[in-house]
C-alpha atoms as a PDB file:
ATOM      1  CA  MET A   1       2.608 -26.841   0.337  1.00  0.00           C
ATOM      2  CA  LYS A   2       5.040 -24.800   2.403  1.00  0.00           C
ATOM      3  CA  THR A   3       8.236 -23.862   0.565  1.00  0.00           C
ATOM      4  CA  GLY A   4      11.411 -25.013   2.339  1.00  0.00           C
ATOM      5  CA  ARG A   5      14.271 -22.582   2.920  1.00  0.00           C
ATOM      6  CA  ASN A   6      16.521 -24.379   0.440  1.00  0.00           C
ATOM      7  CA  ASP A   7      13.799 -25.099  -2.109  1.00  0.00           C
ATOM      8  CA  PRO A   8      13.536 -23.095  -5.352  1.00  0.00           C
ATOM      9  CA  CYS A   9      11.613 -19.885  -4.727  1.00  0.00           C
ATOM     10  CA  HIS A  10       7.929 -19.998  -5.650  1.00  0.00           C
ATOM     11  CA  CYS A  11       8.322 -16.868  -7.837  1.00  0.00           C
ATOM     12  CA  GLY A  12      10.266 -18.844 -10.449  1.00  0.00           C
ATOM     13  CA  SER A  13      13.449 -16.791 -10.184  1.00  0.00           C
ATOM     14  CA  GLY A  14      15.617 -19.898  -9.934  1.00  0.00           C
ATOM     15  CA  LYS A  15      17.080 -18.748  -6.621  1.00  0.00           C
ATOM     16  CA  LYS A  16      16.683 -20.601  -3.345  1.00  0.00           C
ATOM     17  CA  TYR A  17      13.678 -19.440  -1.313  1.00  0.00           C
ATOM     18  CA  LYS A  18      15.923 -18.205   1.539  1.00  0.00           C
ATOM     19  CA  LEU A  19      17.855 -16.000  -0.887  1.00  0.00           C
ATOM     20  CA  CYS A  20      14.811 -14.611  -2.674  1.00  0.00           C
ATOM     21  CA  HIS A  21      11.321 -14.090  -1.220  1.00  0.00           C
ATOM     22  CA  LEU A  22      11.790 -15.489   2.309  1.00  0.00           C
ATOM     23  CA  PRO A  23      13.459 -12.343   3.787  1.00  0.00           C
ATOM     24  CA  LEU A  24      10.828 -10.129   2.164  1.00  0.00           C
ATOM     25  CA  GLU A  25       7.920 -12.208   3.444  1.00  0.00           C
ATOM     26  CA  GLU A  26       9.345 -12.351   6.980  1.00  0.00           C
ATOM     27  CA  ALA A  27       9.845  -8.572   6.987  1.00  0.00           C
ATOM     28  CA  GLU A  28       6.322  -8.097   5.655  1.00  0.00           C
ATOM     29  CA  ARG A  29       4.858 -10.177   8.490  1.00  0.00           C
ATOM     30  CA  ARG A  30       6.722  -8.129  11.100  1.00  0.00           C
ATOM     31  CA  ALA A  31       5.833  -4.814   9.468  1.00  0.00           C
ATOM     32  CA  THR A  32       2.118  -5.682   9.473  1.00  0.00           C
ATOM     33  CA  ALA A  33       2.053  -7.182  12.971  1.00  0.00           C
ATOM     34  CA  ALA A  34       0.818  -4.033  14.750  1.00  0.00           C
ATOM     35  CA  GLU A  35      -2.579  -4.274  16.388  1.00  0.00           C
ATOM     36  CA  ALA A  36      -4.693  -1.494  17.889  1.00  0.00           C
ATOM     37  CA  PRO A  37      -6.410  -2.645  21.095  1.00  0.00           C
ATOM     38  CA  ASN A  38      -8.839  -0.529  23.082  1.00  0.00           C
ATOM     39  CA  SER A  39      -6.396   1.780  24.864  1.00  0.00           C
ATOM     40  CA  ALA A  40      -5.271   5.391  24.866  1.00  0.00           C
ATOM     41  CA  LEU A  41      -2.531   4.555  22.383  1.00  0.00           C
ATOM     42  CA  PRO A  42      -2.255   1.438  20.181  1.00  0.00           C
ATOM     43  CA  SER A  43       0.340  -1.110  21.212  1.00  0.00           C
ATOM     44  CA  PRO A  44       3.023  -1.607  18.534  1.00  0.00           C
ATOM     45  CA  PRO A  45       5.060  -4.760  18.000  1.00  0.00           C
ATOM     46  CA  PRO A  46       8.234  -5.090  20.095  1.00  0.00           C
ATOM     47  CA  GLY A  47      10.866  -2.471  19.266  1.00  0.00           C
ATOM     48  CA  GLN A  48      13.531  -5.113  18.649  1.00  0.00           C
ATOM     49  CA  ASP A  49      11.396  -6.668  15.901  1.00  0.00           C
ATOM     50  CA  LEU A  50      10.931  -3.277  14.259  1.00  0.00           C
ATOM     51  CA  GLU A  51      14.647  -2.535  14.327  1.00  0.00           C
ATOM     52  CA  LYS A  52      15.304  -5.896  12.729  1.00  0.00           C
ATOM     53  CA  THR A  53      12.594  -5.273  10.146  1.00  0.00           C
ATOM     54  CA  VAL A  54      14.005  -1.872   9.153  1.00  0.00           C
ATOM     55  CA  LEU A  55      17.513  -3.313   8.851  1.00  0.00           C
ATOM     56  CA  THR A  56      16.316  -6.307   6.824  1.00  0.00           C
ATOM     57  CA  LEU A  57      14.316  -4.183   4.405  1.00  0.00           C
ATOM     58  CA  ARG A  58      17.143  -1.695   3.894  1.00  0.00           C
ATOM     59  CA  GLU A  59      19.502  -4.560   3.094  1.00  0.00           C
ATOM     60  CA  LEU A  60      16.973  -6.000   0.644  1.00  0.00           C
ATOM     61  CA  LEU A  61      16.442  -2.808  -1.356  1.00  0.00           C
ATOM     62  CA  PRO A  62      19.645  -2.914  -3.451  1.00  0.00           C
ATOM     63  CA  THR A  63      18.936  -6.540  -4.448  1.00  0.00           C
ATOM     64  CA  CYS A  64      15.320  -5.991  -5.555  1.00  0.00           C
ATOM     65  CA  ASP A  65      14.000  -5.866  -9.066  1.00  0.00           C
ATOM     66  CA  GLU A  66      11.558  -3.080  -9.985  1.00  0.00           C
ATOM     67  CA  GLN A  67       8.506  -5.128  -9.059  1.00  0.00           C
ATOM     68  CA  GLN A  68       9.833  -6.023  -5.617  1.00  0.00           C
ATOM     69  CA  LYS A  69      11.300  -2.577  -4.929  1.00  0.00           C
ATOM     70  CA  ALA A  70       7.941  -0.805  -4.619  1.00  0.00           C
ATOM     71  CA  LYS A  71       6.695  -3.417  -2.157  1.00  0.00           C
ATOM     72  CA  VAL A  72       9.867  -3.293  -0.058  1.00  0.00           C
ATOM     73  CA  GLU A  73       9.781   0.516   0.045  1.00  0.00           C
ATOM     74  CA  LYS A  74       6.157   0.376   1.192  1.00  0.00           C
ATOM     75  CA  TYR A  75       6.916  -1.971   4.093  1.00  0.00           C
ATOM     76  CA  LEU A  76      10.073  -0.048   4.971  1.00  0.00           C
ATOM     77  CA  ALA A  77       8.114   3.218   5.268  1.00  0.00           C
ATOM     78  CA  ARG A  78       5.556   1.506   7.513  1.00  0.00           C
ATOM     79  CA  ALA A  79       8.212  -0.115   9.692  1.00  0.00           C
ATOM     80  CA  GLU A  80      10.055   3.203  10.102  1.00  0.00           C
ATOM     81  CA  LEU A  81       6.801   4.906  11.075  1.00  0.00           C
ATOM     82  CA  LEU A  82       6.049   2.268  13.715  1.00  0.00           C
ATOM     83  CA  ARG A  83       9.626   2.460  14.971  1.00  0.00           C
ATOM     84  CA  ALA A  84       9.273   6.230  15.428  1.00  0.00           C
ATOM     85  CA  TYR A  85       6.083   5.580  17.370  1.00  0.00           C
ATOM     86  CA  VAL A  86       7.831   3.044  19.610  1.00  0.00           C
ATOM     87  CA  ASN A  87      10.744   5.391  20.282  1.00  0.00           C
ATOM     88  CA  ARG A  88       8.408   8.260  21.240  1.00  0.00           C
ATOM     89  CA  ARG A  89       5.744   6.239  23.030  1.00  0.00           C
ATOM     90  CA  SER A  90       6.527   7.590  26.515  1.00  0.00           C
ATOM     91  CA  GLU A  91       6.405  11.172  25.225  1.00  0.00           C
ATOM     92  CA  LEU A  92       3.093  10.507  23.480  1.00  0.00           C
ATOM     93  CA  GLU A  93       1.578   8.879  26.563  1.00  0.00           C
ATOM     94  CA  VAL A  94       2.443  11.973  28.617  1.00  0.00           C
ATOM     95  CA  ALA A  95       0.960  14.217  25.930  1.00  0.00           C
ATOM     96  CA  ALA A  96      -2.283  12.206  25.794  1.00  0.00           C
ATOM     97  CA  GLN A  97      -2.643  12.205  29.567  1.00  0.00           C
ATOM     98  CA  GLY A  98      -1.957  15.951  29.778  1.00  0.00           C
ATOM     99  CA  LEU A  99      -4.766  16.663  27.320  1.00  0.00           C
ATOM    100  CA  GLU A 100      -7.427  15.138  29.577  1.00  0.00           C
ATOM    101  CA  VAL A 101      -7.875  18.482  31.365  1.00  0.00           C
ATOM    102  CA  HIS A 102      -8.867  20.081  28.042  1.00  0.00           C
ATOM    103  CA  GLN A 103     -11.445  17.465  27.027  1.00  0.00           C
ATOM    104  CA  GLN A 104     -14.334  19.369  28.617  1.00  0.00           C
ATOM    105  CA  GLU A 105     -13.490  22.388  26.472  1.00  0.00           C
ATOM    106  CA  LEU A 106     -13.850  20.205  23.377  1.00  0.00           C
ATOM    107  CA  ALA A 107     -17.116  18.770  24.704  1.00  0.00           C
ATOM    108  CA  ASP A 108     -18.458  22.298  25.134  1.00  0.00           C
ATOM    109  CA  LEU A 109     -17.428  23.200  21.572  1.00  0.00           C
ATOM    110  CA  SER A 110     -19.196  20.115  20.182  1.00  0.00           C
ATOM    111  CA  LYS A 111     -22.516  21.503  21.424  1.00  0.00           C
ATOM    112  CA  ASP A 112     -22.243  24.185  18.724  1.00  0.00           C
ATOM    113  CA  LYS A 113     -22.458  21.935  15.651  1.00  0.00           C
ATOM    114  CA  ALA A 114     -21.464  24.627  13.146  1.00  0.00           C
ATOM    115  CA  ALA A 115     -18.411  25.759  15.122  1.00  0.00           C
ATOM    116  CA  TYR A 116     -17.401  22.152  15.816  1.00  0.00           C
ATOM    117  CA  HIS A 117     -17.631  21.232  12.132  1.00  0.00           C
ATOM    118  CA  ASP A 118     -15.628  24.320  11.118  1.00  0.00           C
ATOM    119  CA  ARG A 119     -12.913  23.345  13.594  1.00  0.00           C
ATOM    120  CA  ILE A 120     -12.783  19.801  12.231  1.00  0.00           C
ATOM    121  CA  GLU A 121     -12.497  21.059   8.658  1.00  0.00           C
ATOM    122  CA  ALA A 122      -9.702  23.499   9.559  1.00  0.00           C
ATOM    123  CA  VAL A 123      -7.627  20.974  11.511  1.00  0.00           C
ATOM    124  CA  PHE A 124      -7.780  18.127   9.005  1.00  0.00           C
ATOM    125  CA  ALA A 125      -7.178  20.433   6.050  1.00  0.00           C
ATOM    126  CA  GLU A 126      -3.634  21.057   7.334  1.00  0.00           C
ATOM    127  CA  ASP A 127      -0.638  19.828   5.358  1.00  0.00           C
ATOM    128  CA  ARG A 128       0.333  17.287   8.012  1.00  0.00           C
ATOM    129  CA  PHE A 129      -2.680  15.164   7.013  1.00  0.00           C
ATOM    130  CA  VAL A 130      -2.314  15.389   3.227  1.00  0.00           C
ATOM    131  CA  SER A 131      -0.596  11.993   2.942  1.00  0.00           C
ATOM    132  CA  LEU A 132      -3.568  10.327   4.681  1.00  0.00           C
ATOM    133  CA  ARG A 133      -6.219  11.560   2.254  1.00  0.00           C
ATOM    134  CA  PHE A 134      -7.799   8.760   0.232  1.00  0.00           C
ATOM    135  CA  PRO A 135      -6.111   8.686  -3.211  1.00  0.00           C
ATOM    136  CA  VAL A 136      -8.095   9.318  -6.374  1.00  0.00           C
ATOM    137  CA  GLU A 137      -7.270   5.806  -7.635  1.00  0.00           C
ATOM    138  CA  ASP A 138      -8.661   4.194  -4.463  1.00  0.00           C
ATOM    139  CA  LEU A 139     -11.798   6.302  -4.678  1.00  0.00           C
ATOM    140  CA  GLN A 140     -12.338   5.261  -8.284  1.00  0.00           C
ATOM    141  CA  ARG A 141     -12.049   1.583  -7.366  1.00  0.00           C
ATOM    142  CA  ALA A 142     -14.540   2.106  -4.512  1.00  0.00           C
ATOM    143  CA  PHE A 143     -16.941   3.920  -6.851  1.00  0.00           C
ATOM    144  CA  ASP A 144     -16.598   1.158  -9.457  1.00  0.00           C
ATOM    145  CA  LYS A 145     -17.569  -1.352  -6.785  1.00  0.00           C
ATOM    146  CA  SER A 146     -20.265   0.536  -4.866  1.00  0.00           C
ATOM    147  CA  GLY A 147     -21.286   3.451  -7.095  1.00  0.00           C
ATOM    148  CA  SER A 148     -20.358   7.115  -7.253  1.00  0.00           C
ATOM    149  CA  PRO A 149     -22.113   9.542  -4.863  1.00  0.00           C
ATOM    150  CA  LEU A 150     -23.118  11.477  -8.000  1.00  0.00           C
ATOM    151  CA  ASN A 151     -25.563   8.687  -8.874  1.00  0.00           C
ATOM    152  CA  ILE A 152     -27.070   8.099  -5.420  1.00  0.00           C
ATOM    153  CA  PRO A 153     -30.489   9.534  -4.404  1.00  0.00           C
ATOM    154  CA  LYS A 154     -30.262  12.259  -1.776  1.00  0.00           C
ATOM    155  CA  GLU A 155     -32.135  10.235   0.842  1.00  0.00           C
ATOM    156  CA  ASP A 156     -29.597   7.377   0.529  1.00  0.00           C
ATOM    157  CA  ILE A 157     -26.396   9.417   0.377  1.00  0.00           C
ATOM    158  CA  LYS A 158     -25.562   9.239   4.103  1.00  0.00           C
ATOM    159  CA  ASP A 159     -25.585   5.434   4.216  1.00  0.00           C
ATOM    160  CA  HIS A 160     -23.750   5.269   0.896  1.00  0.00           C
ATOM    161  CA  LEU A 161     -20.940   7.547   2.119  1.00  0.00           C
ATOM    162  CA  ARG A 162     -20.584   5.437   5.244  1.00  0.00           C
ATOM    163  CA  ARG A 163     -20.166   2.286   3.129  1.00  0.00           C
ATOM    164  CA  LEU A 164     -17.589   4.002   0.917  1.00  0.00           C
ATOM    165  CA  VAL A 165     -15.497   5.268   3.834  1.00  0.00           C
ATOM    166  CA  LEU A 166     -15.523   1.841   5.507  1.00  0.00           C
ATOM    167  CA  LEU A 167     -14.482   0.259   2.216  1.00  0.00           C
ATOM    168  CA  LEU A 168     -11.567   2.686   1.872  1.00  0.00           C
ATOM    169  CA  SER A 169     -10.330   2.594   5.481  1.00  0.00           C
ATOM    170  CA  SER A 170      -8.657  -0.803   5.695  1.00  0.00           C
ATOM    171  CA  LYS A 171      -7.062  -2.100   8.893  1.00  0.00           C
ATOM    172  CA  GLU A 172      -3.633  -1.239   7.493  1.00  0.00           C
ATOM    173  CA  TYR A 173      -4.761   2.307   6.714  1.00  0.00           C
ATOM    174  CA  ARG A 174      -6.345   2.804  10.138  1.00  0.00           C
ATOM    175  CA  ILE A 175      -3.189   1.743  11.962  1.00  0.00           C
ATOM    176  CA  GLU A 176      -1.014   4.092   9.910  1.00  0.00           C
ATOM    177  CA  ALA A 177      -3.486   6.981  10.211  1.00  0.00           C
ATOM    178  CA  ALA A 178      -3.823   6.584  13.979  1.00  0.00           C
ATOM    179  CA  VAL A 179      -0.057   6.383  14.491  1.00  0.00           C
ATOM    180  CA  ARG A 180       0.590   9.453  12.323  1.00  0.00           C
ATOM    181  CA  ALA A 181      -2.117  11.375  14.177  1.00  0.00           C
ATOM    182  CA  PHE A 182      -0.695  10.416  17.587  1.00  0.00           C
ATOM    183  CA  LEU A 183       2.747  11.576  16.472  1.00  0.00           C
ATOM    184  CA  THR A 184       1.387  15.101  15.841  1.00  0.00           C
ATOM    185  CA  LEU A 185       0.229  15.610  19.446  1.00  0.00           C
ATOM    186  CA  PRO A 186       3.499  17.100  20.832  1.00  0.00           C
ATOM    187  CA  ASP A 187       3.534  19.615  17.961  1.00  0.00           C
ATOM    188  CA  TYR A 188       0.007  20.799  18.704  1.00  0.00           C
ATOM    189  CA  ILE A 189       0.818  21.114  22.403  1.00  0.00           C
ATOM    190  CA  ALA A 190       4.030  23.048  21.674  1.00  0.00           C
ATOM    191  CA  GLU A 191       1.948  25.449  19.569  1.00  0.00           C
ATOM    192  CA  GLY A 192      -0.491  25.933  22.445  1.00  0.00           C
ATOM    193  CA  ARG A 193      -3.319  24.326  20.425  1.00  0.00           C
ATOM    194  CA  HIS A 194      -4.648  22.053  23.145  1.00  0.00           C
ATOM    195  CA  LEU A 195      -8.223  22.012  21.840  1.00  0.00           C
ATOM    196  CA  ASP A 196      -7.061  20.902  18.388  1.00  0.00           C
ATOM    197  CA  ALA A 197      -4.782  18.308  20.005  1.00  0.00           C
ATOM    198  CA  CYS A 198      -7.797  16.865  21.860  1.00  0.00           C
ATOM    199  CA  LEU A 199      -9.715  16.686  18.598  1.00  0.00           C
ATOM    200  CA  VAL A 200      -6.864  14.851  16.866  1.00  0.00           C
ATOM    201  CA  LEU A 201      -6.364  12.544  19.858  1.00  0.00           C
ATOM    202  CA  ASN A 202     -10.029  11.567  20.007  1.00  0.00           C
ATOM    203  CA  CYS A 203     -10.232  10.939  16.250  1.00  0.00           C
ATOM    204  CA  ALA A 204      -7.039   8.874  16.370  1.00  0.00           C
ATOM    205  CA  ARG A 205      -8.509   6.759  19.162  1.00  0.00           C
ATOM    206  CA  MET A 206     -11.724   6.212  17.210  1.00  0.00           C
ATOM    207  CA  THR A 207      -9.773   5.346  14.066  1.00  0.00           C
ATOM    208  CA  SER A 208      -7.737   2.677  15.846  1.00  0.00           C
ATOM    209  CA  ASP A 209     -10.462   1.335  18.157  1.00  0.00           C
ATOM    210  CA  ASP A 210     -13.593   1.263  15.976  1.00  0.00           C
ATOM    211  CA  PRO A 211     -12.869  -0.606  12.703  1.00  0.00           C
ATOM    212  CA  LYS A 212     -16.565  -0.710  11.757  1.00  0.00           C
ATOM    213  CA  GLU A 213     -17.327   2.946  12.382  1.00  0.00           C
ATOM    214  CA  ILE A 214     -16.485   6.191  10.619  1.00  0.00           C
ATOM    215  CA  ASN A 215     -15.469   9.402  12.397  1.00  0.00           C
ATOM    216  CA  PRO A 216     -14.787  13.078  11.545  1.00  0.00           C
ATOM    217  CA  PHE A 217     -11.172  12.371  10.570  1.00  0.00           C
ATOM    218  CA  LEU A 218     -12.046   9.579   8.118  1.00  0.00           C
ATOM    219  CA  MET A 219     -14.865  11.666   6.675  1.00  0.00           C
ATOM    220  CA  GLN A 220     -12.532  14.610   6.052  1.00  0.00           C
ATOM    221  CA  MET A 221      -9.970  12.342   4.379  1.00  0.00           C
ATOM    222  CA  PHE A 222     -12.779  11.187   2.096  1.00  0.00           C
ATOM    223  CA  VAL A 223     -13.969  14.751   1.392  1.00  0.00           C
ATOM    224  CA  HIS A 224     -10.504  15.929   0.338  1.00  0.00           C
ATOM    225  CA  GLY A 225     -10.017  12.822  -1.785  1.00  0.00           C
ATOM    226  CA  TYR A 226     -13.416  13.357  -3.371  1.00  0.00           C
ATOM    227  CA  HIS A 227     -12.544  16.954  -4.270  1.00  0.00           C
ATOM    228  CA  ALA A 228      -9.388  15.670  -5.992  1.00  0.00           C
ATOM    229  CA  TRP A 229     -11.433  12.979  -7.770  1.00  0.00           C
ATOM    230  CA  THR A 230     -13.994  15.492  -9.098  1.00  0.00           C
ATOM    231  CA  ALA A 231     -11.200  17.825 -10.214  1.00  0.00           C
ATOM    232  CA  ALA A 232      -9.557  14.951 -12.124  1.00  0.00           C
ATOM    233  CA  LYS A 233     -12.910  13.996 -13.655  1.00  0.00           C
ATOM    234  CA  GLN A 234     -13.545  17.576 -14.808  1.00  0.00           C
ATOM    235  CA  ALA A 235     -10.057  17.775 -16.296  1.00  0.00           C
ATOM    236  CA  ARG A 236     -10.684  14.586 -18.300  1.00  0.00           C
ATOM    237  CA  LEU A 237     -14.028  15.905 -19.528  1.00  0.00           C
ATOM    238  CA  GLY A 238     -12.397  19.199 -20.512  1.00  0.00           C
ATOM    239  CA  ALA A 239      -9.666  17.380 -22.428  1.00  0.00           C
END
């Protein structure tokens, strides 16, 4: 049954629902409302809703207990990211459109598989993408569910990696990753790195538009996470 605003909160705190979990749940719904349709850039929720969400979550923080605080901080970070995207959307649209003239250069590079792969590795190894690498804890949960690549026959490894990456790249993750990637475009252009900007743009589009497919960006986020996972495993074995 739906909890009324003046009913006791379902968490058992003894407070009224409107003074306890209602503001958090409303903010959560707004912070997760972004969708990513098939377009050059994903369409965020209305800016006014995001401003309200950020304000609501900031007001909630001082009143939260430790359990609620982590959740509120998570949604606040996401709402602030989406707000930054909304505020810079016109700039990002111009950047994406300006890169169209460089797309053929990227297409030519992709014909040399070794050079193309080296470029992908170099770009997504940069510090600006560190926060988007799949965490060791998430990898361990995925391995517990589907099996570690260490135990998969060589002929099955490609399909297994695809399943793992799809398992790790939730809708929430894809939206955040695409938005963060789009926000880097003006920096690449300012640095004169138009080819790398095209690569990031195309991977961001694939990440937001193709929820059932993997792409070079997602694969690199898995590779870096896997390196961290193996390092942690070796450290435990050494201890």
